[in-house]
Amino acid sequence: MELSKRSEAKVYSYQEYKDLVLECADKQTTTGSDPSQERIEATKINAQRMKRIDKQVQINAPLHQLIQENQQAVEWTILSEAWCGDGAQIIPVIAKIAAISPETIDLKIILRDENPEIMDAYLTNGSRSIPKLICKDRESGKVLGTWGPRPAGIVKMKEDFMQQNPGVDHDTFVKNLHLWYAKDGGRAIQHDFEQLVQECFNKEVVAP
């Protein structure tokens, strides 16, 4: 599905999305079609995560240079929800990357459950996994690439952990997942985006 055919659902800047997460946490609610207590509690934790990562993350020099050298105007659209723990770990880093060159990178965030047709066009192994980023050329609207829902380095950590701990319960896995993110400090995301930027910005764009 073309992103230009999206519904009238809200489109957020990063600051607006962060404010939404903080507001949900303050009001003890969340976004999405299933505002369970578990997801509300996750949203509270995510609000603190996002504030911490905003203060701590630094973009590495090679990626910073790649972004600065890019002359192609693109739009990065991220599908997520306030309760999504991976989103809270990842989106602040992507926002820092996009902020290096706001003239060429237009970052937008939309909610998964408000945009099912878009989400279903970008499934991961048949699942509505988030966060999911779609990169498209701003002039032609052509989709240049996608990314998500997790950095390759974190995916590898998960695979190794599951092999070493068969039958591990979900809560233990999630606890370890966020420990991995904290220890990694956004490096795995940036490594992926060095590749994504080079692949997307080097593609020939043909107007539809």
N, C-alpha and C. Protein backbone atom coordinates (compact mmCIF):
# COMPACT_ATOMS: atom_id res chain seq x y z
N MET A 1 0.84 -1.20 0.00
CA MET A 1 0.00 0.00 0.00
C MET A 1 0.86 1.24 0.00
N GLU A 2 0.50 2.23 -0.82
CA GLU A 2 1.26 3.47 -0.85
C GLU A 2 0.96 4.28 0.41
N LEU A 3 2.01 4.86 0.99
CA LEU A 3 1.82 5.63 2.21
C LEU A 3 0.97 6.86 1.95
N SER A 4 0.99 7.35 0.71
CA SER A 4 0.21 8.53 0.38
C SER A 4 -1.29 8.26 0.47
N LYS A 5 -1.67 6.97 0.52
CA LYS A 5 -3.08 6.61 0.58
C LYS A 5 -3.52 6.35 2.02
N ARG A 6 -2.74 6.80 2.98
CA ARG A 6 -3.09 6.58 4.38
C ARG A 6 -4.39 7.29 4.73
N SER A 7 -4.98 6.86 5.82
CA SER A 7 -6.23 7.43 6.28
C SER A 7 -5.97 8.78 6.93
N GLU A 8 -7.03 9.33 7.53
CA GLU A 8 -6.91 10.61 8.20
C GLU A 8 -6.37 10.45 9.63
N ALA A 9 -5.83 9.31 9.95
CA ALA A 9 -5.27 9.08 11.28
C ALA A 9 -4.15 10.07 11.54
N LYS A 10 -3.92 10.36 12.80
CA LYS A 10 -2.94 11.35 13.22
C LYS A 10 -1.53 10.97 12.79
N VAL A 11 -0.79 11.97 12.33
CA VAL A 11 0.63 11.82 12.02
C VAL A 11 1.40 12.68 13.02
N TYR A 12 2.40 12.08 13.68
CA TYR A 12 3.13 12.75 14.74
C TYR A 12 4.56 13.06 14.33
N SER A 13 5.05 14.22 14.77
CA SER A 13 6.49 14.44 14.78
C SER A 13 7.06 13.66 15.96
N TYR A 14 8.40 13.58 16.06
CA TYR A 14 8.96 12.85 17.19
C TYR A 14 8.55 13.49 18.51
N GLN A 15 8.64 14.81 18.59
CA GLN A 15 8.30 15.48 19.84
C GLN A 15 6.84 15.25 20.20
N GLU A 16 5.97 15.29 19.20
CA GLU A 16 4.54 15.04 19.45
C GLU A 16 4.31 13.61 19.92
N TYR A 17 5.03 12.67 19.34
CA TYR A 17 4.89 11.28 19.76
C TYR A 17 5.39 11.08 21.18
N LYS A 18 6.54 11.66 21.48
CA LYS A 18 7.07 11.57 22.84
C LYS A 18 6.09 12.19 23.83
N ASP A 19 5.54 13.34 23.49
CA ASP A 19 4.55 13.99 24.36
C ASP A 19 3.34 13.09 24.56
N LEU A 20 2.93 12.39 23.52
CA LEU A 20 1.80 11.46 23.63
C LEU A 20 2.11 10.35 24.61
N VAL A 21 3.30 9.77 24.52
CA VAL A 21 3.69 8.70 25.44
C VAL A 21 3.71 9.22 26.88
N LEU A 22 4.29 10.41 27.07
CA LEU A 22 4.35 10.99 28.41
C LEU A 22 2.96 11.28 28.95
N GLU A 23 2.07 11.78 28.08
CA GLU A 23 0.70 12.07 28.50
C GLU A 23 -0.04 10.79 28.87
N CYS A 24 0.13 9.76 28.06
CA CYS A 24 -0.50 8.47 28.37
C CYS A 24 -0.02 7.94 29.72
N ALA A 25 1.29 8.04 29.95
CA ALA A 25 1.85 7.57 31.22
C ALA A 25 1.27 8.35 32.39
N ASP A 26 1.15 9.66 32.22
CA ASP A 26 0.64 10.53 33.29
C ASP A 26 -0.83 10.23 33.59
N LYS A 27 -1.59 9.93 32.54
CA LYS A 27 -3.03 9.68 32.70
C LYS A 27 -3.34 8.20 32.91
N GLN A 28 -2.30 7.38 32.98
CA GLN A 28 -2.43 5.93 33.18
C GLN A 28 -3.34 5.30 32.12
N THR A 29 -2.97 5.58 30.89
CA THR A 29 -3.66 4.97 29.75
C THR A 29 -2.60 4.63 28.71
N THR A 30 -3.02 4.23 27.53
CA THR A 30 -2.06 3.94 26.46
C THR A 30 -2.76 4.05 25.12
N THR A 31 -2.02 3.83 24.05
CA THR A 31 -2.59 3.85 22.71
C THR A 31 -2.94 2.43 22.27
N GLY A 32 -3.60 2.32 21.13
CA GLY A 32 -3.86 1.01 20.57
C GLY A 32 -5.23 0.45 20.92
N SER A 33 -5.53 -0.67 20.32
CA SER A 33 -6.85 -1.29 20.44
C SER A 33 -7.01 -2.14 21.70
N ASP A 34 -5.92 -2.37 22.44
CA ASP A 34 -5.97 -3.22 23.63
C ASP A 34 -5.28 -2.51 24.80
N PRO A 35 -5.98 -1.56 25.44
CA PRO A 35 -5.37 -0.80 26.54
C PRO A 35 -5.37 -1.59 27.85
N SER A 36 -4.70 -2.73 27.85
CA SER A 36 -4.65 -3.58 29.03
C SER A 36 -3.78 -2.95 30.11
N GLN A 37 -3.94 -3.43 31.34
CA GLN A 37 -3.13 -2.90 32.43
C GLN A 37 -1.65 -3.15 32.19
N GLU A 38 -1.34 -4.29 31.60
CA GLU A 38 0.06 -4.61 31.29
C GLU A 38 0.65 -3.58 30.32
N ARG A 39 -0.13 -3.21 29.32
CA ARG A 39 0.36 -2.22 28.36
C ARG A 39 0.42 -0.81 28.96
N ILE A 40 -0.48 -0.51 29.85
CA ILE A 40 -0.43 0.78 30.54
C ILE A 40 0.84 0.87 31.38
N GLU A 41 1.16 -0.19 32.10
CA GLU A 41 2.40 -0.20 32.90
C GLU A 41 3.62 -0.10 32.00
N ALA A 42 3.58 -0.77 30.85
CA ALA A 42 4.69 -0.68 29.90
C ALA A 42 4.86 0.74 29.39
N THR A 43 3.76 1.44 29.18
CA THR A 43 3.81 2.82 28.70
C THR A 43 4.49 3.73 29.73
N LYS A 44 4.21 3.51 31.00
CA LYS A 44 4.87 4.30 32.05
C LYS A 44 6.38 4.10 32.01
N ILE A 45 6.81 2.87 31.86
CA ILE A 45 8.24 2.58 31.78
C ILE A 45 8.83 3.20 30.52
N ASN A 46 8.10 3.12 29.42
CA ASN A 46 8.59 3.66 28.15
C ASN A 46 8.80 5.17 28.21
N ALA A 47 7.93 5.86 28.93
CA ALA A 47 8.08 7.31 29.06
C ALA A 47 9.43 7.65 29.70
N GLN A 48 9.81 6.90 30.72
CA GLN A 48 11.10 7.13 31.37
C GLN A 48 12.25 6.72 30.46
N ARG A 49 12.09 5.63 29.74
CA ARG A 49 13.13 5.18 28.81
C ARG A 49 13.42 6.26 27.77
N MET A 50 12.37 6.80 27.18
CA MET A 50 12.54 7.77 26.11
C MET A 50 13.25 9.02 26.62
N LYS A 51 12.89 9.47 27.79
CA LYS A 51 13.56 10.66 28.36
C LYS A 51 15.04 10.38 28.61
N ARG A 52 15.34 9.18 29.10
CA ARG A 52 16.74 8.82 29.37
C ARG A 52 17.55 8.72 28.08
N ILE A 53 17.00 8.03 27.09
CA ILE A 53 17.73 7.84 25.84
C ILE A 53 17.94 9.16 25.12
N ASP A 54 16.95 10.03 25.16
CA ASP A 54 17.10 11.36 24.55
C ASP A 54 18.33 12.09 25.09
N LYS A 55 18.58 11.92 26.37
CA LYS A 55 19.70 12.62 27.01
C LYS A 55 21.04 11.93 26.74
N GLN A 56 21.02 10.61 26.59
CA GLN A 56 22.26 9.85 26.59
C GLN A 56 22.81 9.49 25.21
N VAL A 57 21.95 9.26 24.23
CA VAL A 57 22.42 8.69 22.96
C VAL A 57 23.24 9.70 22.17
N GLN A 58 24.32 9.22 21.58
CA GLN A 58 25.18 10.02 20.70
C GLN A 58 25.30 9.29 19.36
N ILE A 59 25.19 10.02 18.28
CA ILE A 59 25.29 9.41 16.95
C ILE A 59 26.75 9.32 16.53
N ASN A 60 27.16 8.15 16.04
CA ASN A 60 28.57 7.95 15.70
C ASN A 60 28.97 8.78 14.48
N ALA A 61 30.26 9.05 14.36
CA ALA A 61 30.77 9.95 13.32
C ALA A 61 30.50 9.46 11.90
N PRO A 62 30.73 8.17 11.58
CA PRO A 62 30.46 7.72 10.21
C PRO A 62 29.01 7.91 9.78
N LEU A 63 28.07 7.58 10.67
CA LEU A 63 26.66 7.75 10.32
C LEU A 63 26.31 9.23 10.20
N HIS A 64 26.85 10.03 11.11
CA HIS A 64 26.63 11.48 11.07
C HIS A 64 27.07 12.04 9.72
N GLN A 65 28.22 11.60 9.25
CA GLN A 65 28.74 12.08 7.97
C GLN A 65 27.86 11.62 6.80
N LEU A 66 27.42 10.36 6.84
CA LEU A 66 26.55 9.85 5.78
C LEU A 66 25.27 10.68 5.66
N ILE A 67 24.69 11.01 6.79
CA ILE A 67 23.45 11.79 6.79
C ILE A 67 23.72 13.19 6.25
N GLN A 68 24.80 13.80 6.69
CA GLN A 68 25.12 15.16 6.25
C GLN A 68 25.40 15.23 4.75
N GLU A 69 26.00 14.18 4.21
CA GLU A 69 26.36 14.18 2.79
C GLU A 69 25.18 13.88 1.87
N ASN A 70 24.11 13.33 2.42
CA ASN A 70 22.96 12.99 1.61
C ASN A 70 22.24 14.23 1.09
N GLN A 71 21.91 14.22 -0.18
CA GLN A 71 21.19 15.33 -0.80
C GLN A 71 19.76 14.94 -1.21
N GLN A 72 19.42 13.68 -1.01
CA GLN A 72 18.10 13.19 -1.44
C GLN A 72 17.07 13.43 -0.34
N ALA A 73 15.96 14.05 -0.70
CA ALA A 73 14.90 14.31 0.26
C ALA A 73 14.06 13.05 0.45
N VAL A 74 14.00 12.57 1.68
CA VAL A 74 13.27 11.34 1.97
C VAL A 74 12.30 11.55 3.12
N GLU A 75 11.37 10.63 3.23
CA GLU A 75 10.45 10.61 4.36
C GLU A 75 10.61 9.28 5.08
N TRP A 76 10.82 9.35 6.38
CA TRP A 76 10.88 8.15 7.22
C TRP A 76 9.59 8.09 8.02
N THR A 77 8.78 7.07 7.77
CA THR A 77 7.54 6.88 8.51
C THR A 77 7.69 5.66 9.41
N ILE A 78 7.44 5.85 10.70
CA ILE A 78 7.56 4.77 11.68
C ILE A 78 6.18 4.40 12.20
N LEU A 79 5.87 3.12 12.20
CA LEU A 79 4.67 2.60 12.84
C LEU A 79 5.05 2.12 14.23
N SER A 80 4.30 2.57 15.24
CA SER A 80 4.59 2.14 16.61
C SER A 80 3.35 2.33 17.47
N GLU A 81 3.50 2.08 18.77
CA GLU A 81 2.47 2.34 19.78
C GLU A 81 3.16 2.74 21.08
N ALA A 82 2.46 3.47 21.92
CA ALA A 82 3.06 3.98 23.16
C ALA A 82 3.53 2.87 24.09
N TRP A 83 2.89 1.71 24.05
CA TRP A 83 3.23 0.61 24.95
C TRP A 83 4.39 -0.23 24.46
N CYS A 84 4.85 -0.01 23.24
CA CYS A 84 5.87 -0.86 22.62
C CYS A 84 7.25 -0.59 23.21
N GLY A 85 7.79 -1.58 23.92
CA GLY A 85 9.10 -1.41 24.55
C GLY A 85 10.22 -1.22 23.56
N ASP A 86 10.19 -1.97 22.45
CA ASP A 86 11.21 -1.80 21.42
C ASP A 86 11.13 -0.39 20.83
N GLY A 87 9.92 0.10 20.64
CA GLY A 87 9.75 1.45 20.11
C GLY A 87 10.38 2.50 21.00
N ALA A 88 10.20 2.36 22.31
CA ALA A 88 10.78 3.32 23.25
C ALA A 88 12.29 3.29 23.23
N GLN A 89 12.87 2.14 22.96
CA GLN A 89 14.33 2.01 22.89
C GLN A 89 14.87 2.54 21.56
N ILE A 90 14.11 2.39 20.50
CA ILE A 90 14.61 2.62 19.15
C ILE A 90 14.27 4.01 18.59
N ILE A 91 13.03 4.45 18.77
CA ILE A 91 12.58 5.68 18.11
C ILE A 91 13.38 6.91 18.53
N PRO A 92 13.77 7.07 19.82
CA PRO A 92 14.61 8.23 20.16
C PRO A 92 15.93 8.25 19.40
N VAL A 93 16.49 7.07 19.13
CA VAL A 93 17.76 7.00 18.39
C VAL A 93 17.52 7.40 16.94
N ILE A 94 16.46 6.89 16.33
CA ILE A 94 16.14 7.26 14.95
C ILE A 94 15.88 8.76 14.85
N ALA A 95 15.20 9.31 15.85
CA ALA A 95 14.92 10.75 15.84
C ALA A 95 16.21 11.56 15.88
N LYS A 96 17.18 11.11 16.66
CA LYS A 96 18.48 11.79 16.70
C LYS A 96 19.17 11.72 15.35
N ILE A 97 19.06 10.58 14.68
CA ILE A 97 19.66 10.43 13.36
C ILE A 97 19.00 11.39 12.37
N ALA A 98 17.67 11.40 12.36
CA ALA A 98 16.94 12.26 11.43
C ALA A 98 17.21 13.73 11.68
N ALA A 99 17.42 14.09 12.95
CA ALA A 99 17.63 15.49 13.32
C ALA A 99 18.96 16.05 12.80
N ILE A 100 19.86 15.18 12.36
CA ILE A 100 21.13 15.64 11.80
C ILE A 100 20.87 16.46 10.54
N SER A 101 19.86 16.07 9.77
CA SER A 101 19.55 16.77 8.52
C SER A 101 18.04 16.85 8.31
N PRO A 102 17.36 17.71 9.07
CA PRO A 102 15.90 17.81 8.94
C PRO A 102 15.45 18.31 7.57
N GLU A 103 16.37 18.95 6.83
CA GLU A 103 16.02 19.43 5.49
C GLU A 103 15.81 18.26 4.52
N THR A 104 16.54 17.18 4.73
CA THR A 104 16.44 16.04 3.81
C THR A 104 15.68 14.85 4.39
N ILE A 105 15.58 14.75 5.70
CA ILE A 105 14.87 13.63 6.32
C ILE A 105 13.66 14.15 7.08
N ASP A 106 12.49 13.78 6.62
CA ASP A 106 11.23 14.16 7.25
C ASP A 106 10.73 12.95 8.04
N LEU A 107 10.85 13.02 9.36
CA LEU A 107 10.46 11.90 10.22
C LEU A 107 9.01 12.04 10.66
N LYS A 108 8.23 10.99 10.41
CA LYS A 108 6.83 10.96 10.82
C LYS A 108 6.59 9.67 11.60
N ILE A 109 5.69 9.73 12.56
CA ILE A 109 5.33 8.54 13.33
C ILE A 109 3.81 8.39 13.30
N ILE A 110 3.35 7.18 13.00
CA ILE A 110 1.92 6.89 13.00
C ILE A 110 1.68 5.67 13.89
N LEU A 111 0.46 5.57 14.41
CA LEU A 111 0.13 4.47 15.30
C LEU A 111 -0.33 3.25 14.51
N ARG A 112 0.21 2.11 14.89
CA ARG A 112 -0.07 0.87 14.17
C ARG A 112 -1.56 0.58 14.06
N ASP A 113 -2.27 0.63 15.18
CA ASP A 113 -3.65 0.18 15.19
C ASP A 113 -4.60 1.17 14.51
N GLU A 114 -4.14 2.40 14.28
CA GLU A 114 -4.93 3.37 13.52
C GLU A 114 -4.68 3.25 12.02
N ASN A 115 -3.68 2.46 11.65
CA ASN A 115 -3.28 2.35 10.25
C ASN A 115 -3.07 0.89 9.85
N PRO A 116 -4.10 0.05 9.98
CA PRO A 116 -3.92 -1.38 9.73
C PRO A 116 -3.54 -1.71 8.29
N GLU A 117 -4.04 -0.94 7.32
CA GLU A 117 -3.72 -1.25 5.92
C GLU A 117 -2.25 -1.00 5.63
N ILE A 118 -1.71 0.07 6.20
CA ILE A 118 -0.28 0.34 6.02
C ILE A 118 0.53 -0.73 6.74
N MET A 119 0.15 -1.04 7.98
CA MET A 119 0.89 -2.04 8.75
C MET A 119 0.90 -3.37 8.02
N ASP A 120 -0.25 -3.76 7.48
CA ASP A 120 -0.34 -5.07 6.83
C ASP A 120 0.44 -5.15 5.53
N ALA A 121 0.84 -4.00 5.01
CA ALA A 121 1.68 -3.98 3.81
C ALA A 121 3.16 -4.17 4.14
N TYR A 122 3.49 -4.09 5.45
CA TYR A 122 4.89 -4.17 5.87
C TYR A 122 5.05 -5.10 7.06
N LEU A 123 4.48 -6.29 6.94
CA LEU A 123 4.57 -7.28 8.01
C LEU A 123 5.98 -7.85 8.10
N THR A 124 6.30 -8.37 9.28
CA THR A 124 7.56 -9.07 9.49
C THR A 124 7.25 -10.53 9.78
N ASN A 125 7.57 -11.40 8.84
CA ASN A 125 7.25 -12.83 8.98
C ASN A 125 5.77 -13.04 9.30
N GLY A 126 4.93 -12.24 8.64
CA GLY A 126 3.49 -12.37 8.81
C GLY A 126 2.93 -11.70 10.05
N SER A 127 3.76 -11.01 10.81
CA SER A 127 3.34 -10.41 12.07
C SER A 127 3.37 -8.88 11.99
N ARG A 128 2.47 -8.24 12.74
CA ARG A 128 2.42 -6.77 12.81
C ARG A 128 3.44 -6.24 13.81
N SER A 129 4.68 -6.63 13.63
CA SER A 129 5.74 -6.28 14.58
C SER A 129 6.13 -4.81 14.43
N ILE A 130 6.31 -4.14 15.56
CA ILE A 130 6.70 -2.73 15.58
C ILE A 130 7.86 -2.53 16.56
N PRO A 131 8.60 -1.45 16.35
CA PRO A 131 8.45 -0.39 15.36
C PRO A 131 8.88 -0.85 13.97
N LYS A 132 8.25 -0.28 12.97
CA LYS A 132 8.58 -0.55 11.57
C LYS A 132 8.77 0.78 10.85
N LEU A 133 9.91 0.93 10.18
CA LEU A 133 10.21 2.16 9.46
C LEU A 133 10.13 1.93 7.97
N ILE A 134 9.46 2.84 7.27
CA ILE A 134 9.40 2.82 5.81
C ILE A 134 10.08 4.08 5.30
N CYS A 135 11.08 3.90 4.44
CA CYS A 135 11.80 5.03 3.85
C CYS A 135 11.33 5.21 2.41
N LYS A 136 10.88 6.41 2.08
CA LYS A 136 10.46 6.66 0.70
C LYS A 136 11.03 7.98 0.20
N ASP A 137 11.19 8.06 -1.11
CA ASP A 137 11.63 9.30 -1.74
C ASP A 137 10.51 10.32 -1.62
N ARG A 138 10.85 11.52 -1.14
CA ARG A 138 9.81 12.50 -0.85
C ARG A 138 9.14 13.03 -2.12
N GLU A 139 9.89 13.12 -3.21
CA GLU A 139 9.34 13.69 -4.44
C GLU A 139 8.47 12.69 -5.20
N SER A 140 8.99 11.49 -5.39
CA SER A 140 8.27 10.50 -6.19
C SER A 140 7.30 9.64 -5.38
N GLY A 141 7.56 9.54 -4.08
CA GLY A 141 6.75 8.67 -3.24
C GLY A 141 7.17 7.21 -3.29
N LYS A 142 8.23 6.91 -4.03
CA LYS A 142 8.68 5.53 -4.15
C LYS A 142 9.29 5.04 -2.84
N VAL A 143 8.88 3.84 -2.41
CA VAL A 143 9.46 3.24 -1.22
C VAL A 143 10.85 2.74 -1.55
N LEU A 144 11.83 3.21 -0.79
CA LEU A 144 13.23 2.88 -1.03
C LEU A 144 13.73 1.73 -0.16
N GLY A 145 13.08 1.53 0.97
CA GLY A 145 13.51 0.47 1.87
C GLY A 145 12.70 0.49 3.16
N THR A 146 12.85 -0.57 3.94
CA THR A 146 12.19 -0.66 5.24
C THR A 146 13.18 -1.16 6.28
N TRP A 147 12.82 -0.95 7.54
CA TRP A 147 13.67 -1.42 8.64
C TRP A 147 12.77 -1.73 9.82
N GLY A 148 13.22 -2.72 10.61
CA GLY A 148 12.52 -3.04 11.85
C GLY A 148 12.05 -4.50 11.86
N PRO A 149 11.58 -4.92 13.03
CA PRO A 149 11.31 -4.12 14.22
C PRO A 149 12.46 -4.00 15.22
N ARG A 150 13.55 -4.76 15.00
CA ARG A 150 14.68 -4.71 15.93
C ARG A 150 15.98 -4.66 15.15
N PRO A 151 17.04 -4.10 15.76
CA PRO A 151 18.35 -4.12 15.11
C PRO A 151 18.85 -5.55 14.96
N ALA A 152 19.62 -5.78 13.90
CA ALA A 152 20.14 -7.13 13.65
C ALA A 152 20.94 -7.66 14.83
N GLY A 153 21.70 -6.79 15.48
CA GLY A 153 22.50 -7.21 16.63
C GLY A 153 21.65 -7.70 17.79
N ILE A 154 20.52 -7.05 18.01
CA ILE A 154 19.61 -7.46 19.08
C ILE A 154 18.90 -8.76 18.70
N VAL A 155 18.56 -8.91 17.43
CA VAL A 155 17.94 -10.16 16.95
C VAL A 155 18.88 -11.34 17.20
N LYS A 156 20.17 -11.13 16.92
CA LYS A 156 21.17 -12.19 17.15
C LYS A 156 21.27 -12.52 18.63
N MET A 157 21.25 -11.51 19.49
CA MET A 157 21.28 -11.75 20.93
C MET A 157 20.09 -12.58 21.37
N LYS A 158 18.91 -12.27 20.81
CA LYS A 158 17.71 -13.02 21.15
C LYS A 158 17.86 -14.48 20.73
N GLU A 159 18.33 -14.71 19.51
CA GLU A 159 18.49 -16.08 19.02
C GLU A 159 19.44 -16.87 19.90
N ASP A 160 20.56 -16.25 20.26
CA ASP A 160 21.54 -16.93 21.12
C ASP A 160 20.94 -17.23 22.49
N PHE A 161 20.22 -16.26 23.04
CA PHE A 161 19.62 -16.42 24.36
C PHE A 161 18.60 -17.54 24.37
N MET A 162 17.76 -17.60 23.34
CA MET A 162 16.73 -18.63 23.27
C MET A 162 17.35 -20.03 23.10
N GLN A 163 18.44 -20.12 22.37
CA GLN A 163 19.12 -21.40 22.21
C GLN A 163 19.74 -21.87 23.52
N GLN A 164 20.26 -20.92 24.28
CA GLN A 164 20.92 -21.24 25.54
C GLN A 164 19.93 -21.43 26.69
N ASN A 165 18.71 -20.90 26.51
CA ASN A 165 17.71 -20.97 27.58
C ASN A 165 16.37 -21.45 27.02
N PRO A 166 16.30 -22.69 26.55
CA PRO A 166 15.05 -23.20 25.98
C PRO A 166 13.93 -23.20 27.03
N GLY A 167 12.75 -22.78 26.59
CA GLY A 167 11.62 -22.76 27.50
C GLY A 167 11.57 -21.58 28.44
N VAL A 168 12.44 -20.58 28.23
CA VAL A 168 12.45 -19.41 29.11
C VAL A 168 11.11 -18.68 29.02
N ASP A 169 10.65 -18.13 30.14
CA ASP A 169 9.37 -17.44 30.14
C ASP A 169 9.51 -16.04 29.53
N HIS A 170 8.38 -15.49 29.09
CA HIS A 170 8.37 -14.22 28.36
C HIS A 170 8.93 -13.07 29.19
N ASP A 171 8.56 -13.00 30.47
CA ASP A 171 9.02 -11.90 31.32
C ASP A 171 10.54 -11.89 31.46
N THR A 172 11.13 -13.06 31.59
CA THR A 172 12.59 -13.14 31.70
C THR A 172 13.25 -12.68 30.41
N PHE A 173 12.68 -13.09 29.28
CA PHE A 173 13.22 -12.65 27.99
C PHE A 173 13.15 -11.13 27.86
N VAL A 174 12.00 -10.55 28.18
CA VAL A 174 11.83 -9.10 28.05
C VAL A 174 12.81 -8.35 28.95
N LYS A 175 13.00 -8.84 30.17
CA LYS A 175 13.96 -8.22 31.08
C LYS A 175 15.35 -8.21 30.46
N ASN A 176 15.76 -9.34 29.91
CA ASN A 176 17.08 -9.43 29.27
C ASN A 176 17.16 -8.57 28.02
N LEU A 177 16.06 -8.50 27.27
CA LEU A 177 16.03 -7.67 26.07
C LEU A 177 16.38 -6.22 26.39
N HIS A 178 15.76 -5.69 27.42
CA HIS A 178 16.00 -4.28 27.75
C HIS A 178 17.37 -4.07 28.39
N LEU A 179 17.90 -5.09 29.02
CA LEU A 179 19.29 -5.01 29.48
C LEU A 179 20.24 -4.95 28.29
N TRP A 180 19.94 -5.71 27.25
CA TRP A 180 20.77 -5.67 26.03
C TRP A 180 20.72 -4.28 25.41
N TYR A 181 19.53 -3.73 25.30
CA TYR A 181 19.40 -2.38 24.73
C TYR A 181 20.22 -1.37 25.54
N ALA A 182 20.11 -1.44 26.86
CA ALA A 182 20.82 -0.49 27.72
C ALA A 182 22.33 -0.63 27.56
N LYS A 183 22.80 -1.86 27.53
CA LYS A 183 24.24 -2.10 27.38
C LYS A 183 24.73 -1.65 26.00
N ASP A 184 23.90 -1.84 24.99
CA ASP A 184 24.28 -1.51 23.61
C ASP A 184 24.35 0.00 23.38
N GLY A 185 23.49 0.75 24.06
CA GLY A 185 23.54 2.21 23.95
C GLY A 185 23.21 2.77 22.58
N GLY A 186 22.42 2.05 21.80
CA GLY A 186 22.02 2.54 20.48
C GLY A 186 22.99 2.22 19.36
N ARG A 187 24.07 1.52 19.66
CA ARG A 187 25.08 1.24 18.63
C ARG A 187 24.55 0.29 17.55
N ALA A 188 23.79 -0.72 17.95
CA ALA A 188 23.27 -1.68 16.96
C ALA A 188 22.32 -1.01 15.98
N ILE A 189 21.50 -0.11 16.48
CA ILE A 189 20.57 0.63 15.61
C ILE A 189 21.36 1.46 14.61
N GLN A 190 22.37 2.16 15.10
CA GLN A 190 23.16 3.02 14.22
C GLN A 190 23.91 2.19 13.17
N HIS A 191 24.38 1.03 13.55
CA HIS A 191 25.06 0.15 12.59
C HIS A 191 24.11 -0.23 11.46
N ASP A 192 22.88 -0.60 11.82
CA ASP A 192 21.88 -0.94 10.81
C ASP A 192 21.59 0.25 9.90
N PHE A 193 21.52 1.44 10.50
CA PHE A 193 21.14 2.62 9.72
C PHE A 193 22.26 3.10 8.81
N GLU A 194 23.50 2.80 9.14
CA GLU A 194 24.58 3.09 8.19
C GLU A 194 24.32 2.33 6.89
N GLN A 195 23.93 1.07 7.01
CA GLN A 195 23.63 0.26 5.83
C GLN A 195 22.36 0.73 5.15
N LEU A 196 21.31 1.00 5.92
CA LEU A 196 20.04 1.44 5.35
C LEU A 196 20.20 2.73 4.57
N VAL A 197 20.92 3.69 5.15
CA VAL A 197 21.11 4.99 4.50
C VAL A 197 21.85 4.82 3.17
N GLN A 198 22.91 4.02 3.19
CA GLN A 198 23.67 3.82 1.96
C GLN A 198 22.84 3.13 0.88
N GLU A 199 22.04 2.15 1.28
CA GLU A 199 21.22 1.42 0.31
C GLU A 199 20.10 2.30 -0.25
N CYS A 200 19.41 3.02 0.62
CA CYS A 200 18.26 3.81 0.18
C CYS A 200 18.67 5.04 -0.61
N PHE A 201 19.72 5.72 -0.15
CA PHE A 201 20.09 6.97 -0.80
C PHE A 201 20.82 6.76 -2.11
N ASN A 202 21.25 5.54 -2.38
CA ASN A 202 21.95 5.26 -3.63
C ASN A 202 21.03 4.67 -4.70
N LYS A 203 19.76 4.49 -4.37
CA LYS A 203 18.84 3.91 -5.34
C LYS A 203 18.41 4.94 -6.37
N GLU A 204 18.32 4.49 -7.62
CA GLU A 204 17.79 5.36 -8.68
C GLU A 204 16.29 5.47 -8.50
N VAL A 205 15.78 6.69 -8.50
CA VAL A 205 14.36 6.91 -8.30
C VAL A 205 13.70 7.23 -9.63
N VAL A 206 12.70 6.44 -9.98
CA VAL A 206 11.95 6.67 -11.21
C VAL A 206 10.54 7.06 -10.82
N ALA A 207 10.09 8.19 -11.29
CA ALA A 207 8.76 8.67 -10.93
C ALA A 207 7.70 7.69 -11.40
N PRO A 208 6.69 7.42 -10.56
CA PRO A 208 5.64 6.47 -10.94
C PRO A 208 4.77 7.02 -12.07
